[in-house]
Amino acid sequence: MNPRLVRLRRTARVWRLTARNGARFVAHRVRRLATRGHEQKAALDDRFALRTSEDVARELGNMKGALMKFGQLLSFIMEALPDDAQQALSVLQSDAPPMSPEAAEGVVKAEFGSPPQRLFLDWQRTPVAAASVGQVHRAVTRDGRDVAVKVQYPGVGDAIEADLANAEGLYRLVGAFALKGLDTKALVDELRGRMREELDYRREAANLREFADAFREHPFVHLPTVDTALSGHRVLTTEWVEGIGFTEFAAQASPEARRIAGETIWRFAQHAVLRHGAFNGDPHPGNYRFRLDGTVTFLDFGLVKRWAPGEWATLQPSLEAIVVHRDPERLVAAMEAVGFLQPGHGLAPQAVYDYVSTPYTPYLTDSFAFTRTFLKDAMGTIIDVKGPHAEVIERLNMPASFVILDRVVWGVSAILGKLEVEAPWRAMLLEYLNDAPPATPLGDDELAWRHRHPHP
């Protein structure tokens, strides 16, 4: 289909979604003004949030592509929403509307020349999960191995290109009223590059093999193996992983198991970002499988960010100024050097530090308990463009190098908040930044593994 036509159709759907919910909001405000009592108003607010979330989940779930990824991100970091509304959006994590069995089988046949019923000993036509780029079917190979087969949606590449074109307009809009110095083109190019890579499952297979090698025999990070013979451009086959989803795990697991799982996800991200130099840029709950003892298996490696030579070295001083030195003046100097702030901005260093350090509050104290309330308050501070930090927000830029990392910071924090994990996060982070001694038993295990498996 003509890319311009795809973009126009998807833009029209987004505008219709926006118009519906705009009208719904106006009606909600009218009803709210006519309602007396705090409890009655709160009930109205909850119903409005639920109906809006169900509409967004339904529309974005059917659209797939980059807009659905936005919905996935929204579904687990927007703690301000009522529980029912969050649950409505959470279907985007792994249970979006699937494509037909015939369409999925057509993709497999086009990739390998044979339908899945011939390639596999057993093929389940109904997918076990469906998300933004593809859906997953369970199958059994001819030699008897249980596998997960991810099949890409036909036409999703055109959809993502259309969404990213819309995203550029979105960034311009944000920059017009909030981030005056935002480098729109650099940010969109970074996202477009990463998402284009995600469309090639051969690249994801290579990513998974790379991470499996980097974490080989790791004491608590587990990854599935790739079946190269049954993987291609639009089909990815890996070993089947037993386990439960995030919502079920969070509801059933003991506090100790939640702590182990949360620390595992956190340490996986830190090791990847700070030691391996490549990291999964899509940390939403649908990309993990859990056991009730806290064991985590990491599944999705389509969106991977790799540091170019010297790229992390330009960002690291800003992080260290916040969490290691806790020095506002050092922070401002580091941010000016990398492009977060332009020289001559006129901001007071303490004002910059107070705002920028908000997501890193857990690393400014000896022990911290992540909670949903913390994430709600922190997110509220960051996006409050008319609040006490308005002057700082107006002058900030986000370098393209930081956009995927920022997504990881918020995504992992959201997961830890939902698991309510308490730990000595500052001391743990210093393990990765300064090779400080391990602060937890998992840190001891990882250090022993590093001694057995040194990596450059």
Protein backbone atom coordinates (compact mmCIF):
# COMPACT_ATOMS: atom_id res chain seq x y z
CA MET A 1 0.00 0.00 0.00
CA ASN A 2 1.14 3.55 -0.70
CA PRO A 3 3.08 4.79 2.39
CA ARG A 4 1.42 8.20 2.16
CA LEU A 5 -2.02 6.60 2.17
CA VAL A 6 -1.06 4.42 5.16
CA ARG A 7 0.12 7.50 7.04
CA LEU A 8 -3.05 9.44 6.23
CA ARG A 9 -5.30 6.58 7.33
CA ARG A 10 -3.43 6.04 10.60
CA THR A 11 -3.31 9.78 11.27
CA ALA A 12 -7.07 9.93 10.74
CA ARG A 13 -7.59 7.12 13.25
CA VAL A 14 -5.46 8.93 15.81
CA TRP A 15 -7.39 12.16 15.26
CA ARG A 16 -10.70 10.30 15.62
CA LEU A 17 -9.44 8.73 18.84
CA THR A 18 -8.38 12.16 20.09
CA ALA A 19 -11.68 13.76 19.08
CA ARG A 20 -13.75 11.03 20.77
CA ASN A 21 -11.89 11.37 24.01
CA GLY A 22 -11.86 15.16 23.79
CA ALA A 23 -15.64 15.14 23.55
CA ARG A 24 -15.79 12.59 26.34
CA PHE A 25 -13.64 14.86 28.50
CA VAL A 26 -15.90 17.88 27.91
CA ALA A 27 -18.97 15.83 28.84
CA HIS A 28 -17.17 14.51 31.89
CA ARG A 29 -16.30 18.03 33.08
CA VAL A 30 -19.92 19.15 32.67
CA ARG A 31 -21.19 16.17 34.70
CA ARG A 32 -18.48 16.77 37.31
CA LEU A 33 -19.53 20.40 37.79
CA ALA A 34 -23.09 19.26 38.42
CA THR A 35 -22.01 16.61 40.95
CA ARG A 36 -21.67 17.27 44.65
CA GLY A 37 -19.46 15.40 47.04
CA HIS A 38 -15.85 14.27 46.82
CA GLU A 39 -16.68 10.55 46.55
CA GLN A 40 -19.17 11.08 43.73
CA LYS A 41 -16.66 13.21 41.79
CA ALA A 42 -13.93 10.58 42.31
CA ALA A 43 -16.26 7.86 41.01
CA LEU A 44 -16.97 9.98 37.91
CA ASP A 45 -13.22 10.48 37.39
CA ASP A 46 -12.58 6.75 37.63
CA ARG A 47 -15.32 5.91 35.12
CA PHE A 48 -13.98 8.53 32.71
CA ALA A 49 -10.42 7.17 33.00
CA LEU A 50 -11.63 3.59 32.51
CA ARG A 51 -13.68 4.36 29.39
CA THR A 52 -10.85 6.40 27.90
CA SER A 53 -8.27 3.70 28.64
CA GLU A 54 -10.47 0.99 27.12
CA ASP A 55 -10.88 3.11 23.98
CA VAL A 56 -7.14 3.78 23.70
CA ALA A 57 -6.28 0.11 24.28
CA ARG A 58 -8.80 -1.05 21.68
CA GLU A 59 -7.71 1.47 19.03
CA LEU A 60 -3.95 1.19 19.52
CA GLY A 61 -4.16 -2.57 19.88
CA ASN A 62 -5.78 -2.82 16.47
CA MET A 63 -3.34 -0.34 14.91
CA LYS A 64 -0.14 -2.13 16.06
CA GLY A 65 3.17 -0.44 15.26
CA ALA A 66 4.86 2.44 17.07
CA LEU A 67 1.61 3.90 18.42
CA MET A 68 0.88 0.63 20.16
CA LYS A 69 4.36 0.78 21.68
CA PHE A 70 3.43 4.19 23.06
CA GLY A 71 0.34 2.63 24.58
CA GLN A 72 2.45 -0.13 26.13
CA LEU A 73 4.68 2.46 27.76
CA LEU A 74 1.66 4.41 28.97
CA SER A 75 0.10 1.26 30.43
CA PHE A 76 2.69 0.70 33.11
CA ILE A 77 4.14 4.10 33.96
CA MET A 78 0.96 6.18 34.28
CA GLU A 79 0.36 5.49 37.96
CA ALA A 80 -2.04 8.42 38.18
CA LEU A 81 -4.70 6.28 36.47
CA PRO A 82 -7.13 4.19 38.57
CA ASP A 83 -6.40 0.46 38.79
CA ASP A 84 -9.22 -0.49 36.39
CA ALA A 85 -7.95 1.98 33.79
CA GLN A 86 -4.39 0.66 34.11
CA GLN A 87 -5.71 -2.87 33.73
CA ALA A 88 -7.58 -1.86 30.56
CA LEU A 89 -4.36 -0.51 29.05
CA SER A 90 -2.29 -3.48 30.25
CA VAL A 91 -3.74 -5.70 27.52
CA LEU A 92 -1.34 -3.89 25.17
CA GLN A 93 1.58 -5.55 26.96
CA SER A 94 0.90 -9.04 25.66
CA ASP A 95 -2.78 -9.52 24.77
CA ALA A 96 -3.51 -7.16 21.90
CA PRO A 97 -6.00 -8.31 19.22
CA PRO A 98 -4.23 -10.96 17.10
CA MET A 99 -4.15 -11.40 13.33
CA SER A 100 -6.11 -14.28 11.85
CA PRO A 101 -4.59 -17.80 11.90
CA GLU A 102 -4.55 -17.76 8.09
CA ALA A 103 -2.58 -14.49 8.00
CA ALA A 104 0.02 -15.81 10.47
CA GLU A 105 0.39 -19.05 8.55
CA GLY A 106 0.78 -17.08 5.32
CA VAL A 107 3.72 -15.16 6.79
CA VAL A 108 5.42 -18.43 7.84
CA LYS A 109 4.85 -19.98 4.39
CA ALA A 110 6.19 -16.88 2.63
CA GLU A 111 9.29 -17.01 4.84
CA PHE A 112 10.13 -20.72 4.55
CA GLY A 113 8.15 -22.03 1.57
CA SER A 114 6.01 -24.36 3.69
CA PRO A 115 3.07 -23.79 6.04
CA PRO A 116 3.74 -24.18 9.77
CA GLN A 117 1.79 -27.46 9.88
CA ARG A 118 4.55 -28.98 7.75
CA LEU A 119 7.48 -27.24 9.39
CA PHE A 120 6.45 -28.22 12.91
CA LEU A 121 5.28 -31.43 14.51
CA ASP A 122 2.58 -29.43 16.27
CA TRP A 123 1.41 -25.84 15.63
CA GLN A 124 -1.11 -23.98 17.78
CA ARG A 125 -3.13 -21.71 15.51
CA THR A 126 -4.30 -19.48 18.36
CA PRO A 127 -1.48 -17.18 19.51
CA VAL A 128 -0.42 -17.16 23.15
CA ALA A 129 0.53 -13.47 23.01
CA ALA A 130 0.11 -10.57 20.60
CA ALA A 131 1.86 -7.22 20.78
CA SER A 132 3.07 -4.28 18.70
CA VAL A 133 5.11 -5.90 15.90
CA GLY A 134 4.18 -9.56 15.98
CA GLN A 135 2.38 -12.34 17.80
CA VAL A 136 3.64 -15.56 19.39
CA HIS A 137 2.47 -19.11 18.66
CA ARG A 138 3.43 -22.22 20.59
CA ALA A 139 4.77 -25.12 18.52
CA VAL A 140 6.75 -28.36 18.72
CA THR A 141 9.68 -28.93 16.37
CA ARG A 142 10.12 -32.09 14.32
CA ASP A 143 12.68 -33.30 16.86
CA GLY A 144 10.30 -32.77 19.76
CA ARG A 145 11.35 -29.42 21.25
CA ASP A 146 8.77 -26.98 22.61
CA VAL A 147 9.29 -23.59 20.97
CA ALA A 148 7.79 -20.12 20.78
CA VAL A 149 7.34 -18.79 17.23
CA LYS A 150 7.00 -15.02 16.81
CA VAL A 151 5.32 -14.06 13.55
CA GLN A 152 5.38 -10.47 12.31
CA TYR A 153 2.18 -8.72 11.27
CA PRO A 154 1.93 -8.13 7.50
CA GLY A 155 2.30 -4.43 6.71
CA VAL A 156 3.58 -3.46 10.15
CA GLY A 157 6.67 -1.85 8.60
CA ASP A 158 4.52 0.67 6.70
CA ALA A 159 2.53 1.26 9.87
CA ILE A 160 5.62 2.06 11.92
CA GLU A 161 6.95 4.44 9.26
CA ALA A 162 3.58 6.21 9.30
CA ASP A 163 3.60 6.41 13.09
CA LEU A 164 7.13 7.78 13.20
CA ALA A 165 6.18 10.46 10.70
CA ASN A 166 3.34 11.37 13.08
CA ALA A 167 5.77 11.20 16.01
CA GLU A 168 7.89 13.93 14.44
CA GLY A 169 4.88 16.21 14.51
CA LEU A 170 4.25 15.20 18.11
CA TYR A 171 7.80 16.15 19.11
CA ARG A 172 7.40 19.51 17.39
CA LEU A 173 4.23 20.06 19.38
CA VAL A 174 5.97 19.18 22.66
CA GLY A 175 8.88 21.42 21.80
CA ALA A 176 6.53 24.30 21.04
CA PHE A 177 5.20 24.56 24.59
CA ALA A 178 7.73 22.78 26.81
CA LEU A 179 11.19 21.83 25.60
CA LYS A 180 12.20 24.82 23.49
CA GLY A 181 15.61 23.42 22.64
CA LEU A 182 14.40 19.92 21.73
CA ASP A 183 16.27 18.49 18.73
CA THR A 184 13.21 16.95 17.12
CA LYS A 185 14.92 15.46 14.10
CA ALA A 186 17.69 13.76 16.09
CA LEU A 187 15.20 12.22 18.48
CA VAL A 188 12.90 10.91 15.76
CA ASP A 189 15.84 9.58 13.76
CA GLU A 190 17.04 7.68 16.82
CA LEU A 191 13.62 6.13 17.39
CA ARG A 192 13.14 5.39 13.70
CA GLY A 193 16.51 3.65 13.50
CA ARG A 194 15.82 1.44 16.50
CA MET A 195 12.30 0.52 15.35
CA ARG A 196 13.42 -0.25 11.81
CA GLU A 197 15.93 -2.67 13.31
CA GLU A 198 13.12 -4.26 15.32
CA LEU A 199 11.30 -5.18 12.10
CA ASP A 200 14.11 -7.55 11.05
CA TYR A 201 13.82 -10.67 13.17
CA ARG A 202 17.19 -11.84 11.88
CA ARG A 203 18.68 -8.91 13.75
CA GLU A 204 16.70 -9.79 16.86
CA ALA A 205 17.97 -13.36 16.65
CA ALA A 206 21.52 -12.01 16.45
CA ASN A 207 20.80 -9.72 19.43
CA LEU A 208 19.52 -12.63 21.46
CA ARG A 209 22.57 -14.75 20.63
CA GLU A 210 24.82 -11.81 21.59
CA PHE A 211 23.11 -11.30 24.96
CA ALA A 212 23.04 -15.04 25.62
CA ASP A 213 26.80 -15.09 25.12
CA ALA A 214 27.32 -11.98 27.26
CA PHE A 215 25.27 -13.50 30.11
CA ARG A 216 26.37 -17.11 29.62
CA GLU A 217 26.11 -19.10 32.88
CA HIS A 218 24.92 -15.99 34.70
CA PRO A 219 23.57 -16.90 38.16
CA PHE A 220 20.18 -15.20 37.81
CA VAL A 221 19.73 -13.81 34.25
CA HIS A 222 18.08 -16.32 31.92
CA LEU A 223 17.49 -16.02 28.15
CA PRO A 224 15.93 -18.47 25.66
CA THR A 225 18.04 -20.04 22.93
CA VAL A 226 17.37 -19.23 19.26
CA ASP A 227 16.43 -21.87 16.69
CA THR A 228 18.35 -20.39 13.75
CA ALA A 229 17.00 -22.88 11.18
CA LEU A 230 13.42 -21.81 11.93
CA SER A 231 14.08 -18.08 12.12
CA GLY A 232 14.09 -15.53 9.31
CA HIS A 233 13.24 -11.95 8.41
CA ARG A 234 9.67 -12.07 9.75
CA VAL A 235 9.66 -15.24 11.87
CA LEU A 236 11.67 -15.84 15.06
CA THR A 237 11.73 -19.22 16.80
CA THR A 238 13.14 -19.67 20.31
CA GLU A 239 12.87 -22.29 23.02
CA TRP A 240 9.60 -22.25 24.93
CA VAL A 241 9.92 -20.69 28.40
CA GLU A 242 7.64 -21.82 31.20
CA GLY A 243 6.48 -19.17 33.62
CA ILE A 244 3.78 -16.67 34.41
CA GLY A 245 3.14 -13.09 33.37
CA PHE A 246 3.91 -9.99 35.38
CA THR A 247 0.40 -9.31 36.72
CA GLU A 248 0.00 -12.86 37.99
CA PHE A 249 3.48 -12.85 39.51
CA ALA A 250 2.97 -9.51 41.28
CA ALA A 251 -0.29 -10.78 42.77
CA GLN A 252 0.95 -14.21 43.89
CA ALA A 253 4.66 -13.91 44.69
CA SER A 254 6.04 -13.46 48.18
CA PRO A 255 7.79 -10.19 49.11
CA GLU A 256 11.14 -12.00 48.92
CA ALA A 257 10.40 -13.37 45.44
CA ARG A 258 9.31 -9.90 44.28
CA ARG A 259 12.56 -8.47 45.65
CA ILE A 260 14.63 -11.07 43.80
CA ALA A 261 12.74 -10.50 40.54
CA GLY A 262 12.97 -6.72 40.82
CA GLU A 263 16.67 -6.75 41.60
CA THR A 264 17.25 -9.23 38.76
CA ILE A 265 15.59 -6.93 36.22
CA TRP A 266 17.43 -3.92 37.62
CA ARG A 267 20.86 -5.61 37.59
CA PHE A 268 20.28 -6.97 34.08
CA ALA A 269 19.70 -3.41 32.86
CA GLN A 270 22.68 -1.96 34.72
CA HIS A 271 25.09 -4.62 33.50
CA ALA A 272 23.87 -4.22 29.92
CA VAL A 273 24.04 -0.41 29.94
CA LEU A 274 27.23 0.13 31.94
CA ARG A 275 29.33 -2.95 31.20
CA HIS A 276 28.13 -4.60 28.02
CA GLY A 277 27.46 -1.37 26.13
CA ALA A 278 24.20 -2.60 24.58
CA PHE A 279 20.81 -2.83 26.25
CA ASN A 280 17.20 -3.77 25.68
CA GLY A 281 15.27 -0.55 25.11
CA ASP A 282 11.81 -2.07 25.65
CA PRO A 283 11.46 -2.84 29.38
CA HIS A 284 7.75 -3.48 29.70
CA PRO A 285 6.28 -6.38 31.72
CA GLY A 286 5.17 -8.37 28.68
CA ASN A 287 8.84 -8.99 27.86
CA TYR A 288 9.50 -11.11 30.95
CA ARG A 289 8.41 -14.51 32.23
CA PHE A 290 8.47 -15.20 35.96
CA ARG A 291 8.52 -18.10 38.36
CA LEU A 292 7.17 -17.78 41.86
CA ASP A 293 10.68 -18.09 43.34
CA GLY A 294 11.61 -14.78 41.66
CA THR A 295 13.39 -16.26 38.63
CA VAL A 296 13.10 -14.05 35.54
CA THR A 297 13.57 -14.94 31.87
CA PHE A 298 14.15 -12.06 29.41
CA LEU A 299 12.35 -12.56 26.11
CA ASP A 300 12.33 -9.65 23.67
CA PHE A 301 15.49 -8.22 22.07
CA GLY A 302 14.09 -6.46 19.04
CA LEU A 303 14.74 -2.92 20.23
CA VAL A 304 18.39 -2.82 21.32
CA LYS A 305 20.45 0.33 21.76
CA ARG A 306 24.24 0.08 21.36
CA TRP A 307 26.58 2.76 22.56
CA ALA A 308 28.72 4.16 19.77
CA PRO A 309 32.40 4.70 20.69
CA GLY A 310 32.52 7.49 23.26
CA GLU A 311 28.73 7.91 23.41
CA TRP A 312 28.25 6.74 26.99
CA ALA A 313 31.34 8.69 28.09
CA THR A 314 29.49 11.91 27.20
CA LEU A 315 26.42 10.96 29.27
CA GLN A 316 28.09 9.38 32.29
CA PRO A 317 29.34 12.63 33.92
CA SER A 318 25.76 13.89 34.28
CA LEU A 319 24.67 10.69 36.02
CA GLU A 320 27.71 10.70 38.29
CA ALA A 321 27.16 14.36 39.19
CA ILE A 322 23.68 13.40 40.43
CA VAL A 323 24.21 10.09 42.25
CA VAL A 324 27.93 9.95 43.06
CA HIS A 325 28.90 13.57 43.78
CA ARG A 326 25.41 15.03 44.37
CA ASP A 327 26.85 18.29 43.08
CA PRO A 328 24.53 20.79 41.31
CA GLU A 329 27.35 22.83 39.75
CA ARG A 330 29.10 19.73 38.46
CA LEU A 331 25.76 18.55 37.04
CA VAL A 332 25.15 21.80 35.14
CA ALA A 333 28.67 21.72 33.67
CA ALA A 334 28.20 18.11 32.55
CA MET A 335 24.78 18.83 31.06
CA GLU A 336 26.12 21.80 29.12
CA ALA A 337 28.97 19.67 27.76
CA VAL A 338 26.63 16.99 26.36
CA GLY A 339 23.84 19.28 25.14
CA PHE A 340 21.14 18.89 27.80
CA LEU A 341 21.56 22.64 28.40
CA GLN A 342 22.81 25.38 26.12
CA PRO A 343 25.47 27.79 27.46
CA GLY A 344 23.97 31.01 28.76
CA HIS A 345 20.77 29.34 29.96
CA GLY A 346 20.88 31.36 33.20
CA LEU A 347 19.43 28.60 35.41
CA ALA A 348 20.48 28.22 39.03
CA PRO A 349 22.42 24.94 39.47
CA GLN A 350 20.30 23.90 42.46
CA ALA A 351 17.10 24.39 40.46
CA VAL A 352 18.48 22.17 37.70
CA TYR A 353 19.57 19.53 40.19
CA ASP A 354 16.24 19.50 42.02
CA TYR A 355 14.39 18.77 38.77
CA VAL A 356 16.82 16.45 36.96
CA SER A 357 17.49 14.30 40.03
CA THR A 358 13.79 13.46 40.47
CA PRO A 359 13.89 10.01 38.74
CA TYR A 360 17.14 9.24 40.60
CA THR A 361 15.79 9.84 44.11
CA PRO A 362 16.21 6.11 44.98
CA TYR A 363 19.98 6.52 44.49
CA LEU A 364 20.38 9.51 46.78
CA THR A 365 19.79 7.63 50.03
CA ASP A 366 21.16 4.48 51.68
CA SER A 367 17.92 2.52 51.24
CA PHE A 368 14.78 3.20 49.26
CA ALA A 369 11.47 1.43 48.68
CA PHE A 370 10.08 1.83 45.16
CA THR A 371 6.32 2.34 45.24
CA ARG A 372 3.62 3.27 42.79
CA THR A 373 3.19 6.51 44.69
CA PHE A 374 6.83 7.42 44.16
CA LEU A 375 6.54 6.82 40.42
CA LYS A 376 3.29 8.80 40.22
CA ASP A 377 4.84 11.76 42.04
CA ALA A 378 8.11 11.62 40.10
CA MET A 379 6.34 11.44 36.74
CA GLY A 380 4.07 14.27 37.81
CA THR A 381 7.08 16.44 38.61
CA ILE A 382 8.79 15.71 35.30
CA ILE A 383 5.77 16.50 33.11
CA ASP A 384 4.43 19.48 35.08
CA VAL A 385 5.34 22.13 32.51
CA LYS A 386 3.55 24.89 34.45
CA GLY A 387 4.75 23.91 37.92
CA PRO A 388 7.72 25.00 40.05
CA HIS A 389 10.24 23.57 37.55
CA ALA A 390 8.76 25.24 34.47
CA GLU A 391 11.81 27.42 33.83
CA VAL A 392 14.14 24.40 33.87
CA ILE A 393 11.84 22.33 31.66
CA GLU A 394 11.64 25.13 29.11
CA ARG A 395 15.43 25.21 28.65
CA LEU A 396 16.15 21.50 28.65
CA ASN A 397 16.99 19.47 25.58
CA MET A 398 17.11 15.67 25.37
CA PRO A 399 20.09 14.48 23.32
CA ALA A 400 19.24 11.62 20.97
CA SER A 401 21.75 9.43 22.81
CA PHE A 402 19.57 9.62 25.91
CA VAL A 403 16.10 8.90 24.54
CA ILE A 404 16.25 5.07 24.73
CA LEU A 405 18.13 5.10 28.05
CA ASP A 406 15.49 7.40 29.54
CA ARG A 407 12.84 4.90 28.51
CA VAL A 408 14.75 2.18 30.37
CA VAL A 409 15.10 4.34 33.51
CA TRP A 410 11.36 4.95 33.71
CA GLY A 411 10.37 1.47 32.59
CA VAL A 412 12.48 -0.35 35.16
CA SER A 413 11.41 2.11 37.87
CA ALA A 414 7.76 1.40 37.04
CA ILE A 415 8.30 -2.33 37.38
CA LEU A 416 10.07 -1.90 40.71
CA GLY A 417 7.26 0.37 41.92
CA LYS A 418 4.61 -2.22 41.11
CA LEU A 419 6.68 -4.90 42.87
CA GLU A 420 7.32 -2.57 45.83
CA VAL A 421 11.00 -3.51 46.08
CA GLU A 422 13.21 -2.02 48.79
CA ALA A 423 17.00 -2.24 48.48
CA PRO A 424 20.23 -0.25 48.89
CA TRP A 425 19.98 1.08 45.33
CA ARG A 426 22.72 3.69 45.75
CA ALA A 427 25.32 1.18 46.89
CA MET A 428 24.16 -1.20 44.16
CA LEU A 429 24.55 1.44 41.46
CA LEU A 430 28.05 2.24 42.68
CA GLU A 431 28.95 -1.41 42.00
CA TYR A 432 28.45 -0.65 38.30
CA LEU A 433 29.77 2.91 38.23
CA ASN A 434 32.79 2.58 40.53
CA ASP A 435 33.33 -1.18 40.98
CA ALA A 436 32.24 -0.79 44.61
CA PRO A 437 31.84 -3.96 46.74
CA PRO A 438 28.60 -5.92 46.32
CA ALA A 439 25.72 -4.58 48.39
CA THR A 440 23.40 -7.62 48.22
CA PRO A 441 23.63 -11.43 47.89
CA LEU A 442 22.77 -11.16 44.19
CA GLY A 443 25.64 -8.69 43.87
CA ASP A 444 27.96 -11.28 45.44
CA ASP A 445 26.74 -13.89 42.97
CA GLU A 446 27.25 -11.58 40.00
CA LEU A 447 30.75 -10.60 41.08
CA ALA A 448 31.72 -14.27 41.40
CA TRP A 449 30.29 -14.87 37.91
CA ARG A 450 32.30 -11.96 36.51
CA HIS A 451 35.50 -13.45 37.94
CA ARG A 452 34.68 -16.76 36.24
CA HIS A 453 33.62 -15.12 32.96
CA PRO A 454 35.62 -11.94 32.41
CA HIS A 455 34.40 -9.78 29.52
CA PRO A 456 36.30 -6.95 27.86
